[in-house]
Amino acid sequence: MGTELTRRGVDTTLPLWSAIALDTAPDVVAQIHRDYLDAGARVITTNTFRTNVRALAKAGIAHRARELTFRAVALARRAVAEWRQRQKDTEIGIRGDTPFVSSSHGLPVQVAGSIAPVEDCYSPELVPSDAELAEEHAVLARNLADAGVDLILVETQNTVREAVAAARAAHTTGKPLWVSFTLDDENRLLSGELLPDAVRAVLPFEPRAILINCIPVKQVASALKLLRSVALSHVALGAYGNVGHVDEVIGWTLTNAVSPEAYAEAAREWRAVGATIIGGCCGTMPEHIRAVTAQLAER
């Protein structure tokens, strides 16, 4: 969502990054959701990566945390409803007034509420105290649950401490939980902590899935193999890699280094390794998801 907003000319400067669009370009946010649904996505993630209290406080609008989180979820819900109606209208136009399945291959569309690190995803040294983490993640988790997400995605976690705090907060809401970690080039958390230790630390909160995200495409398969060695059989595995790189001055730099076709070919390997949830992170576009959908549907 964040890099796609940038690609479409929407202001995504810090500290709010993608959250700016909830005020300035809500229709673009909804359109991006619809574009991913058209491409074959069956889980879309709310634009709440930066609607946590801490990020909003830096912009002087901490009091709007609930409002903006609710708006983000409403935009995702609106996109799903509009997409379903368009699909239904198309089906009726083609086959007449016949029974309609709202998603391909019978899979339901789900809205995942995003919970990210309260500080910078690439700066584990900035993670605040346990008390602050507990309080701030509880606010966002409750706002997401109250707004009506289908599941909570605790993503891009770079330390065990924060992953545990966010997972605990999400678990308390009663919503299904997915937890995703971001890694260094040796498949450790950016804090230097070991991935197996991180997985074991969040398992008490009963995640339905453990994932890896925002790492280079070429690294994902090896990370999944490590993840598979420690995750339980009843917990799904997943991955969504990035395309591009972080620039310290301008933020995420968009590149065409990994084409949709190359990304889809990599995703086929991820599935062979054991991933049943596959998506795209920073820099990927609807075209990448369309290619993945086509590639995996063929096999």
C-alpha atoms as a PDB file:
ATOM      1  CA  MET A   1       0.000   0.000   0.000  1.00  0.00           C
ATOM      2  CA  GLY A   2       2.677   2.518   0.995  1.00  0.00           C
ATOM      3  CA  THR A   3       4.905   2.212  -2.041  1.00  0.00           C
ATOM      4  CA  GLU A   4       1.919   1.922  -4.369  1.00  0.00           C
ATOM      5  CA  LEU A   5       0.623   5.242  -2.998  1.00  0.00           C
ATOM      6  CA  THR A   6       4.035   6.739  -3.749  1.00  0.00           C
ATOM      7  CA  ARG A   7       3.970   5.267  -7.243  1.00  0.00           C
ATOM      8  CA  ARG A   8       0.605   6.949  -7.847  1.00  0.00           C
ATOM      9  CA  GLY A   9       1.849  10.369  -6.792  1.00  0.00           C
ATOM     10  CA  VAL A  10       0.396  10.543  -3.274  1.00  0.00           C
ATOM     11  CA  ASP A  11       2.460  12.277  -0.576  1.00  0.00           C
ATOM     12  CA  THR A  12       3.909   9.635   1.772  1.00  0.00           C
ATOM     13  CA  THR A  13       6.486  11.648   3.680  1.00  0.00           C
ATOM     14  CA  LEU A  14       7.362  10.843   7.272  1.00  0.00           C
ATOM     15  CA  PRO A  15       6.279  10.643  10.034  1.00  0.00           C
ATOM     16  CA  LEU A  16       2.869   9.484   8.771  1.00  0.00           C
ATOM     17  CA  TRP A  17       3.971   7.826   5.509  1.00  0.00           C
ATOM     18  CA  SER A  18       0.983   5.909   4.102  1.00  0.00           C
ATOM     19  CA  ALA A  19      -1.416   7.246   6.742  1.00  0.00           C
ATOM     20  CA  ILE A  20      -1.382  10.686   5.085  1.00  0.00           C
ATOM     21  CA  ALA A  21      -3.511   9.254   2.296  1.00  0.00           C
ATOM     22  CA  LEU A  22      -6.364   8.508   4.679  1.00  0.00           C
ATOM     23  CA  ASP A  23      -6.975  12.272   4.721  1.00  0.00           C
ATOM     24  CA  THR A  24      -5.613  13.376   1.354  1.00  0.00           C
ATOM     25  CA  ALA A  25      -6.394  10.504  -1.009  1.00  0.00           C
ATOM     26  CA  PRO A  26      -8.938   8.040   0.446  1.00  0.00           C
ATOM     27  CA  ASP A  27     -10.275   7.182  -3.009  1.00  0.00           C
ATOM     28  CA  VAL A  28      -6.759   6.194  -4.107  1.00  0.00           C
ATOM     29  CA  VAL A  29      -6.446   3.920  -1.072  1.00  0.00           C
ATOM     30  CA  ALA A  30      -9.729   2.221  -1.986  1.00  0.00           C
ATOM     31  CA  GLN A  31      -8.690   1.943  -5.637  1.00  0.00           C
ATOM     32  CA  ILE A  32      -5.404   0.272  -4.691  1.00  0.00           C
ATOM     33  CA  HIS A  33      -7.327  -2.282  -2.649  1.00  0.00           C
ATOM     34  CA  ARG A  34      -9.623  -2.942  -5.623  1.00  0.00           C
ATOM     35  CA  ASP A  35      -6.687  -3.253  -7.997  1.00  0.00           C
ATOM     36  CA  TYR A  36      -5.139  -5.949  -5.811  1.00  0.00           C
ATOM     37  CA  LEU A  37      -8.457  -7.772  -5.608  1.00  0.00           C
ATOM     38  CA  ASP A  38      -8.723  -7.637  -9.401  1.00  0.00           C
ATOM     39  CA  ALA A  39      -5.210  -9.084  -9.550  1.00  0.00           C
ATOM     40  CA  GLY A  40      -6.263 -12.096  -7.504  1.00  0.00           C
ATOM     41  CA  ALA A  41      -5.513 -11.098  -3.907  1.00  0.00           C
ATOM     42  CA  ARG A  42      -7.793 -12.723  -1.363  1.00  0.00           C
ATOM     43  CA  VAL A  43      -6.360 -10.954   1.675  1.00  0.00           C
ATOM     44  CA  ILE A  44      -5.997  -7.177   1.604  1.00  0.00           C
ATOM     45  CA  THR A  45      -4.206  -5.289   4.356  1.00  0.00           C
ATOM     46  CA  THR A  46      -5.610  -2.133   5.931  1.00  0.00           C
ATOM     47  CA  ASN A  47      -3.717   1.116   5.550  1.00  0.00           C
ATOM     48  CA  THR A  48      -2.938   1.187   9.284  1.00  0.00           C
ATOM     49  CA  PHE A  49       0.820   0.709   9.186  1.00  0.00           C
ATOM     50  CA  ARG A  50       1.157   4.200  10.668  1.00  0.00           C
ATOM     51  CA  THR A  51      -2.089   4.791  12.541  1.00  0.00           C
ATOM     52  CA  ASN A  52      -0.500   3.845  15.852  1.00  0.00           C
ATOM     53  CA  VAL A  53      -0.563   6.477  18.587  1.00  0.00           C
ATOM     54  CA  ARG A  54       3.196   7.085  18.525  1.00  0.00           C
ATOM     55  CA  ALA A  55       3.401   7.829  14.793  1.00  0.00           C
ATOM     56  CA  LEU A  56       0.360  10.090  14.896  1.00  0.00           C
ATOM     57  CA  ALA A  57       1.734  11.924  17.944  1.00  0.00           C
ATOM     58  CA  LYS A  58       4.785  12.911  15.906  1.00  0.00           C
ATOM     59  CA  ALA A  59       2.401  14.714  13.570  1.00  0.00           C
ATOM     60  CA  GLY A  60       0.443  16.229  16.460  1.00  0.00           C
ATOM     61  CA  ILE A  61      -2.697  14.155  15.855  1.00  0.00           C
ATOM     62  CA  ALA A  62      -2.493  11.318  18.380  1.00  0.00           C
ATOM     63  CA  HIS A  63      -6.125  11.999  19.291  1.00  0.00           C
ATOM     64  CA  ARG A  64      -7.166  10.792  15.812  1.00  0.00           C
ATOM     65  CA  ALA A  65      -5.830   7.242  16.197  1.00  0.00           C
ATOM     66  CA  ARG A  66      -9.236   5.582  16.446  1.00  0.00           C
ATOM     67  CA  GLU A  67     -10.795   7.760  13.744  1.00  0.00           C
ATOM     68  CA  LEU A  68      -8.074   7.086  11.191  1.00  0.00           C
ATOM     69  CA  THR A  69      -7.915   3.370  11.963  1.00  0.00           C
ATOM     70  CA  PHE A  70     -11.659   3.097  11.497  1.00  0.00           C
ATOM     71  CA  ARG A  71     -11.387   5.026   8.234  1.00  0.00           C
ATOM     72  CA  ALA A  72      -8.691   2.688   6.943  1.00  0.00           C
ATOM     73  CA  VAL A  73     -10.776  -0.385   7.714  1.00  0.00           C
ATOM     74  CA  ALA A  74     -13.867   1.210   6.173  1.00  0.00           C
ATOM     75  CA  LEU A  75     -11.952   1.909   2.952  1.00  0.00           C
ATOM     76  CA  ALA A  76     -10.845  -1.716   2.750  1.00  0.00           C
ATOM     77  CA  ARG A  77     -14.394  -2.914   3.422  1.00  0.00           C
ATOM     78  CA  ARG A  78     -15.739  -0.514   0.805  1.00  0.00           C
ATOM     79  CA  ALA A  79     -13.246  -1.818  -1.741  1.00  0.00           C
ATOM     80  CA  VAL A  80     -14.281  -5.419  -1.080  1.00  0.00           C
ATOM     81  CA  ALA A  81     -17.985  -4.570  -1.378  1.00  0.00           C
ATOM     82  CA  GLU A  82     -17.482  -2.666  -4.631  1.00  0.00           C
ATOM     83  CA  TRP A  83     -15.290  -5.426  -6.047  1.00  0.00           C
ATOM     84  CA  ARG A  84     -17.847  -8.086  -5.177  1.00  0.00           C
ATOM     85  CA  GLN A  85     -20.652  -6.100  -6.747  1.00  0.00           C
ATOM     86  CA  ARG A  86     -18.663  -5.571  -9.925  1.00  0.00           C
ATOM     87  CA  GLN A  87     -17.851  -9.281 -10.057  1.00  0.00           C
ATOM     88  CA  LYS A  88     -21.502 -10.127  -9.562  1.00  0.00           C
ATOM     89  CA  ASP A  89     -22.605  -7.719 -12.274  1.00  0.00           C
ATOM     90  CA  THR A  90     -20.040  -9.205 -14.663  1.00  0.00           C
ATOM     91  CA  GLU A  91     -21.153 -12.748 -13.919  1.00  0.00           C
ATOM     92  CA  ILE A  92     -24.792 -11.872 -14.467  1.00  0.00           C
ATOM     93  CA  GLY A  93     -23.916 -10.116 -17.713  1.00  0.00           C
ATOM     94  CA  ILE A  94     -22.104 -13.193 -18.973  1.00  0.00           C
ATOM     95  CA  ARG A  95     -24.282 -16.051 -17.727  1.00  0.00           C
ATOM     96  CA  GLY A  96     -27.558 -14.481 -16.738  1.00  0.00           C
ATOM     97  CA  ASP A  97     -29.051 -14.453 -13.257  1.00  0.00           C
ATOM     98  CA  THR A  98     -27.254 -17.520 -11.893  1.00  0.00           C
ATOM     99  CA  PRO A  99     -25.704 -18.319  -8.475  1.00  0.00           C
ATOM    100  CA  PHE A 100     -22.500 -16.375  -7.897  1.00  0.00           C
ATOM    101  CA  VAL A 101     -19.344 -17.188  -5.930  1.00  0.00           C
ATOM    102  CA  SER A 102     -17.740 -13.917  -4.818  1.00  0.00           C
ATOM    103  CA  SER A 103     -14.119 -14.982  -5.113  1.00  0.00           C
ATOM    104  CA  SER A 104     -12.093 -17.188  -7.405  1.00  0.00           C
ATOM    105  CA  HIS A 105     -11.494 -20.805  -6.422  1.00  0.00           C
ATOM    106  CA  GLY A 106     -14.110 -20.416  -3.669  1.00  0.00           C
ATOM    107  CA  LEU A 107     -11.731 -18.517  -1.374  1.00  0.00           C
ATOM    108  CA  PRO A 108     -13.279 -15.781   0.771  1.00  0.00           C
ATOM    109  CA  VAL A 109     -11.862 -12.267   0.745  1.00  0.00           C
ATOM    110  CA  GLN A 110     -10.451 -11.221   4.110  1.00  0.00           C
ATOM    111  CA  VAL A 111      -9.444  -7.835   5.488  1.00  0.00           C
ATOM    112  CA  ALA A 112      -6.267  -8.020   7.595  1.00  0.00           C
ATOM    113  CA  GLY A 113      -5.612  -5.245  10.080  1.00  0.00           C
ATOM    114  CA  SER A 114      -1.962  -4.231   9.969  1.00  0.00           C
ATOM    115  CA  ILE A 115       0.034  -3.664  13.157  1.00  0.00           C
ATOM    116  CA  ALA A 116       3.620  -2.559  12.531  1.00  0.00           C
ATOM    117  CA  PRO A 117       6.460  -1.608  14.877  1.00  0.00           C
ATOM    118  CA  VAL A 118       5.609   1.635  16.646  1.00  0.00           C
ATOM    119  CA  GLU A 119       8.943   3.103  15.567  1.00  0.00           C
ATOM    120  CA  ASP A 120      10.965   2.465  12.404  1.00  0.00           C
ATOM    121  CA  CYS A 121      10.823  -1.066  10.988  1.00  0.00           C
ATOM    122  CA  TYR A 122      14.557  -1.052  10.271  1.00  0.00           C
ATOM    123  CA  SER A 123      15.638   0.390  13.632  1.00  0.00           C
ATOM    124  CA  PRO A 124      15.288  -2.188  16.404  1.00  0.00           C
ATOM    125  CA  GLU A 125      17.321   0.050  18.692  1.00  0.00           C
ATOM    126  CA  LEU A 126      14.346   2.460  18.786  1.00  0.00           C
ATOM    127  CA  VAL A 127      11.900  -0.064  20.244  1.00  0.00           C
ATOM    128  CA  PRO A 128      10.495   1.540  23.421  1.00  0.00           C
ATOM    129  CA  SER A 129       9.904   0.042  26.852  1.00  0.00           C
ATOM    130  CA  ASP A 130       7.727  -2.993  27.434  1.00  0.00           C
ATOM    131  CA  ALA A 131       5.138  -0.846  29.189  1.00  0.00           C
ATOM    132  CA  GLU A 132       4.908   1.546  26.244  1.00  0.00           C
ATOM    133  CA  LEU A 133       4.688  -1.326  23.791  1.00  0.00           C
ATOM    134  CA  ALA A 134       1.889  -2.977  25.737  1.00  0.00           C
ATOM    135  CA  GLU A 135      -0.134   0.224  25.986  1.00  0.00           C
ATOM    136  CA  GLU A 136       0.312   1.394  22.398  1.00  0.00           C
ATOM    137  CA  HIS A 137      -0.247  -1.942  20.683  1.00  0.00           C
ATOM    138  CA  ALA A 138      -3.335  -2.536  22.814  1.00  0.00           C
ATOM    139  CA  VAL A 139      -4.859   0.677  21.471  1.00  0.00           C
ATOM    140  CA  LEU A 140      -4.330  -0.204  17.816  1.00  0.00           C
ATOM    141  CA  ALA A 141      -5.365  -3.836  18.232  1.00  0.00           C
ATOM    142  CA  ARG A 142      -8.603  -2.833  19.920  1.00  0.00           C
ATOM    143  CA  ASN A 143      -9.310  -0.160  17.301  1.00  0.00           C
ATOM    144  CA  LEU A 144      -8.795  -2.680  14.500  1.00  0.00           C
ATOM    145  CA  ALA A 145     -11.003  -5.273  16.161  1.00  0.00           C
ATOM    146  CA  ASP A 146     -13.736  -2.760  16.877  1.00  0.00           C
ATOM    147  CA  ALA A 147     -13.585  -1.509  13.285  1.00  0.00           C
ATOM    148  CA  GLY A 148     -14.310  -5.021  12.047  1.00  0.00           C
ATOM    149  CA  VAL A 149     -11.192  -6.586  10.525  1.00  0.00           C
ATOM    150  CA  ASP A 150     -11.271 -10.309   9.830  1.00  0.00           C
ATOM    151  CA  LEU A 151      -7.815 -10.938  11.260  1.00  0.00           C
ATOM    152  CA  ILE A 152      -4.893  -9.000  12.695  1.00  0.00           C
ATOM    153  CA  LEU A 153      -1.539  -9.073  10.919  1.00  0.00           C
ATOM    154  CA  VAL A 154       1.349  -8.194  13.239  1.00  0.00           C
ATOM    155  CA  GLU A 155       3.971  -7.529  10.581  1.00  0.00           C
ATOM    156  CA  THR A 156       7.542  -6.442   9.887  1.00  0.00           C
ATOM    157  CA  GLN A 157       8.586  -7.251  13.435  1.00  0.00           C
ATOM    158  CA  ASN A 158      12.286  -6.688  14.084  1.00  0.00           C
ATOM    159  CA  THR A 159      12.611  -7.664  17.762  1.00  0.00           C
ATOM    160  CA  VAL A 160      11.200 -10.455  19.902  1.00  0.00           C
ATOM    161  CA  ARG A 161      10.051  -7.983  22.562  1.00  0.00           C
ATOM    162  CA  GLU A 162       7.822  -6.022  20.242  1.00  0.00           C
ATOM    163  CA  ALA A 163       6.526  -9.063  18.404  1.00  0.00           C
ATOM    164  CA  VAL A 164       5.413 -10.500  21.727  1.00  0.00           C
ATOM    165  CA  ALA A 165       3.784  -7.237  22.838  1.00  0.00           C
ATOM    166  CA  ALA A 166       1.898  -6.818  19.558  1.00  0.00           C
ATOM    167  CA  ALA A 167       0.888 -10.485  19.365  1.00  0.00           C
ATOM    168  CA  ARG A 168      -0.364 -10.419  22.957  1.00  0.00           C
ATOM    169  CA  ALA A 169      -2.441  -7.320  22.246  1.00  0.00           C
ATOM    170  CA  ALA A 170      -3.911  -8.838  19.089  1.00  0.00           C
ATOM    171  CA  HIS A 171      -4.640 -12.154  20.801  1.00  0.00           C
ATOM    172  CA  THR A 172      -6.564 -10.341  23.525  1.00  0.00           C
ATOM    173  CA  THR A 173      -9.094  -9.090  20.949  1.00  0.00           C
ATOM    174  CA  GLY A 174     -10.114 -12.605  19.997  1.00  0.00           C
ATOM    175  CA  LYS A 175      -9.401 -11.998  16.312  1.00  0.00           C
ATOM    176  CA  PRO A 176      -7.359 -14.549  14.330  1.00  0.00           C
ATOM    177  CA  LEU A 177      -3.678 -13.616  14.447  1.00  0.00           C
ATOM    178  CA  TRP A 178      -0.880 -13.749  11.883  1.00  0.00           C
ATOM    179  CA  VAL A 179       2.670 -12.726  12.875  1.00  0.00           C
ATOM    180  CA  SER A 180       5.364 -11.757  10.376  1.00  0.00           C
ATOM    181  CA  PHE A 181       9.056 -11.009  10.911  1.00  0.00           C
ATOM    182  CA  THR A 182      11.598  -9.054   8.877  1.00  0.00           C
ATOM    183  CA  LEU A 183      15.161 -10.342   8.784  1.00  0.00           C
ATOM    184  CA  ASP A 184      18.765  -9.415   8.095  1.00  0.00           C
ATOM    185  CA  ASP A 185      20.778 -11.114   5.358  1.00  0.00           C
ATOM    186  CA  GLU A 186      21.620 -14.004   7.710  1.00  0.00           C
ATOM    187  CA  ASN A 187      17.945 -14.727   8.464  1.00  0.00           C
ATOM    188  CA  ARG A 188      18.088 -13.278  11.960  1.00  0.00           C
ATOM    189  CA  LEU A 189      15.758 -10.570  13.211  1.00  0.00           C
ATOM    190  CA  LEU A 190      17.239  -7.115  12.713  1.00  0.00           C
ATOM    191  CA  SER A 191      17.891  -7.086  16.451  1.00  0.00           C
ATOM    192  CA  GLY A 192      20.257 -10.020  15.929  1.00  0.00           C
ATOM    193  CA  GLU A 193      17.873 -12.406  17.670  1.00  0.00           C
ATOM    194  CA  LEU A 194      17.310 -15.834  16.165  1.00  0.00           C
ATOM    195  CA  LEU A 195      14.179 -16.494  14.116  1.00  0.00           C
ATOM    196  CA  PRO A 196      13.408 -19.803  15.884  1.00  0.00           C
ATOM    197  CA  ASP A 197      13.467 -17.991  19.233  1.00  0.00           C
ATOM    198  CA  ALA A 198      11.113 -15.325  17.879  1.00  0.00           C
ATOM    199  CA  VAL A 199       8.671 -17.932  16.614  1.00  0.00           C
ATOM    200  CA  ARG A 200       8.661 -19.796  19.927  1.00  0.00           C
ATOM    201  CA  ALA A 201       8.045 -16.524  21.778  1.00  0.00           C
ATOM    202  CA  VAL A 202       4.810 -15.747  19.889  1.00  0.00           C
ATOM    203  CA  LEU A 203       3.383 -19.285  19.748  1.00  0.00           C
ATOM    204  CA  PRO A 204       1.638 -18.902  23.156  1.00  0.00           C
ATOM    205  CA  PHE A 205      -0.631 -16.310  21.495  1.00  0.00           C
ATOM    206  CA  GLU A 206      -1.957 -18.936  19.083  1.00  0.00           C
ATOM    207  CA  PRO A 207      -1.092 -17.397  15.713  1.00  0.00           C
ATOM    208  CA  ARG A 208      -2.846 -19.012  12.761  1.00  0.00           C
ATOM    209  CA  ALA A 209       0.158 -18.184  10.587  1.00  0.00           C
ATOM    210  CA  ILE A 210       3.823 -17.207  10.865  1.00  0.00           C
ATOM    211  CA  LEU A 211       5.288 -15.263   7.976  1.00  0.00           C
ATOM    212  CA  ILE A 212       8.387 -13.508   6.673  1.00  0.00           C
ATOM    213  CA  ASN A 213       8.074 -10.116   4.995  1.00  0.00           C
ATOM    214  CA  CYS A 214      10.002  -7.178   3.549  1.00  0.00           C
ATOM    215  CA  ILE A 215      13.135  -9.093   2.649  1.00  0.00           C
ATOM    216  CA  PRO A 216      14.659  -9.526  -0.835  1.00  0.00           C
ATOM    217  CA  VAL A 217      13.001 -12.068  -3.092  1.00  0.00           C
ATOM    218  CA  LYS A 218      16.183 -14.116  -3.420  1.00  0.00           C
ATOM    219  CA  GLN A 219      16.315 -14.610   0.372  1.00  0.00           C
ATOM    220  CA  VAL A 220      12.752 -15.732   1.000  1.00  0.00           C
ATOM    221  CA  ALA A 221      13.143 -19.451   0.252  1.00  0.00           C
ATOM    222  CA  SER A 222      15.985 -19.931   2.717  1.00  0.00           C
ATOM    223  CA  ALA A 223      14.082 -17.985   5.379  1.00  0.00           C
ATOM    224  CA  LEU A 224      11.021 -20.170   4.834  1.00  0.00           C
ATOM    225  CA  LYS A 225      13.089 -23.329   5.242  1.00  0.00           C
ATOM    226  CA  LEU A 226      14.309 -22.046   8.596  1.00  0.00           C
ATOM    227  CA  LEU A 227      10.778 -21.075   9.558  1.00  0.00           C
ATOM    228  CA  ARG A 228       9.478 -24.502   8.611  1.00  0.00           C
ATOM    229  CA  SER A 229      12.040 -26.146  10.879  1.00  0.00           C
ATOM    230  CA  VAL A 230      10.563 -24.549  13.979  1.00  0.00           C
ATOM    231  CA  ALA A 231       6.893 -23.749  13.292  1.00  0.00           C
ATOM    232  CA  LEU A 232       4.201 -26.219  14.321  1.00  0.00           C
ATOM    233  CA  SER A 233       2.310 -28.279  11.774  1.00  0.00           C
ATOM    234  CA  HIS A 234      -1.010 -26.564  12.539  1.00  0.00           C
ATOM    235  CA  VAL A 235       0.439 -23.073  11.922  1.00  0.00           C
ATOM    236  CA  ALA A 236       0.415 -21.893   8.304  1.00  0.00           C
ATOM    237  CA  LEU A 237       3.592 -20.464   6.785  1.00  0.00           C
ATOM    238  CA  GLY A 238       3.773 -17.467   4.495  1.00  0.00           C
ATOM    239  CA  ALA A 239       5.959 -14.864   2.850  1.00  0.00           C
ATOM    240  CA  TYR A 240       5.778 -11.548   1.045  1.00  0.00           C
ATOM    241  CA  GLY A 241       9.033 -10.179  -0.299  1.00  0.00           C
ATOM    242  CA  ASN A 242      10.047  -6.695  -1.324  1.00  0.00           C
ATOM    243  CA  VAL A 243      11.207  -5.150  -4.580  1.00  0.00           C
ATOM    244  CA  GLY A 244      13.623  -2.228  -4.281  1.00  0.00           C
ATOM    245  CA  HIS A 245      15.591  -0.936  -1.321  1.00  0.00           C
ATOM    246  CA  VAL A 246      15.597   1.653   1.445  1.00  0.00           C
ATOM    247  CA  ASP A 247      17.349   4.954   0.862  1.00  0.00           C
ATOM    248  CA  GLU A 248      18.222   6.879   4.029  1.00  0.00           C
ATOM    249  CA  VAL A 249      17.307  10.196   2.396  1.00  0.00           C
ATOM    250  CA  ILE A 250      14.206   9.545   0.309  1.00  0.00           C
ATOM    251  CA  GLY A 251      12.882   6.379   1.926  1.00  0.00           C
ATOM    252  CA  TRP A 252      11.854   3.419  -0.202  1.00  0.00           C
ATOM    253  CA  THR A 253      13.342   3.465  -3.671  1.00  0.00           C
ATOM    254  CA  LEU A 254      11.131   1.873  -6.303  1.00  0.00           C
ATOM    255  CA  THR A 255      12.899  -0.290  -8.862  1.00  0.00           C
ATOM    256  CA  ASN A 256      12.055  -2.781 -11.564  1.00  0.00           C
ATOM    257  CA  ALA A 257      14.749  -5.187 -10.376  1.00  0.00           C
ATOM    258  CA  VAL A 258      12.293  -8.077  -9.989  1.00  0.00           C
ATOM    259  CA  SER A 259       9.687  -8.357 -12.732  1.00  0.00           C
ATOM    260  CA  PRO A 260       6.225  -9.744 -11.999  1.00  0.00           C
ATOM    261  CA  GLU A 261       7.172 -12.890 -13.895  1.00  0.00           C
ATOM    262  CA  ALA A 262      10.384 -13.383 -11.888  1.00  0.00           C
ATOM    263  CA  TYR A 263       8.508 -12.741  -8.648  1.00  0.00           C
ATOM    264  CA  ALA A 264       5.888 -15.327  -9.584  1.00  0.00           C
ATOM    265  CA  GLU A 265       8.536 -17.896 -10.410  1.00  0.00           C
ATOM    266  CA  ALA A 266      10.097 -17.307  -6.981  1.00  0.00           C
ATOM    267  CA  ALA A 267       6.674 -17.667  -5.375  1.00  0.00           C
ATOM    268  CA  ARG A 268       6.339 -21.107  -6.929  1.00  0.00           C
ATOM    269  CA  GLU A 269       9.476 -22.125  -5.033  1.00  0.00           C
ATOM    270  CA  TRP A 270       8.093 -20.612  -1.828  1.00  0.00           C
ATOM    271  CA  ARG A 271       5.012 -22.754  -2.128  1.00  0.00           C
ATOM    272  CA  ALA A 272       7.147 -25.829  -2.738  1.00  0.00           C
ATOM    273  CA  VAL A 273       9.028 -25.048   0.472  1.00  0.00           C
ATOM    274  CA  GLY A 274       5.752 -24.914   2.398  1.00  0.00           C
ATOM    275  CA  ALA A 275       4.252 -21.421   2.145  1.00  0.00           C
ATOM    276  CA  THR A 276       0.471 -21.412   1.827  1.00  0.00           C
ATOM    277  CA  ILE A 277       0.124 -17.634   2.214  1.00  0.00           C
ATOM    278  CA  ILE A 278       1.976 -15.635  -0.449  1.00  0.00           C
ATOM    279  CA  GLY A 279       1.825 -11.919  -1.172  1.00  0.00           C
ATOM    280  CA  GLY A 280       3.855  -8.829  -1.926  1.00  0.00           C
ATOM    281  CA  CYS A 281       5.556  -6.237   0.267  1.00  0.00           C
ATOM    282  CA  CYS A 282       7.219  -2.892  -0.500  1.00  0.00           C
ATOM    283  CA  GLY A 283       7.703  -2.126  -4.182  1.00  0.00           C
ATOM    284  CA  THR A 284       5.476  -4.890  -5.499  1.00  0.00           C
ATOM    285  CA  MET A 285       2.484  -3.915  -7.604  1.00  0.00           C
ATOM    286  CA  PRO A 286      -0.857  -5.478  -8.541  1.00  0.00           C
ATOM    287  CA  GLU A 287       0.980  -6.865 -11.563  1.00  0.00           C
ATOM    288  CA  HIS A 288       3.171  -8.958  -9.255  1.00  0.00           C
ATOM    289  CA  ILE A 289       0.116 -10.435  -7.534  1.00  0.00           C
ATOM    290  CA  ARG A 290      -1.556 -11.082 -10.873  1.00  0.00           C
ATOM    291  CA  ALA A 291       1.509 -12.999 -12.029  1.00  0.00           C
ATOM    292  CA  VAL A 292       1.646 -15.000  -8.778  1.00  0.00           C
ATOM    293  CA  THR A 293      -2.059 -15.814  -9.053  1.00  0.00           C
ATOM    294  CA  ALA A 294      -1.611 -17.075 -12.609  1.00  0.00           C
ATOM    295  CA  GLN A 295       1.567 -19.014 -11.816  1.00  0.00           C
ATOM    296  CA  LEU A 296       0.177 -20.835  -8.788  1.00  0.00           C
ATOM    297  CA  ALA A 297      -3.235 -21.501 -10.343  1.00  0.00           C
ATOM    298  CA  GLU A 298      -1.535 -23.395 -13.141  1.00  0.00           C
ATOM    299  CA  ARG A 299       0.194 -25.903 -10.842  1.00  0.00           C
END
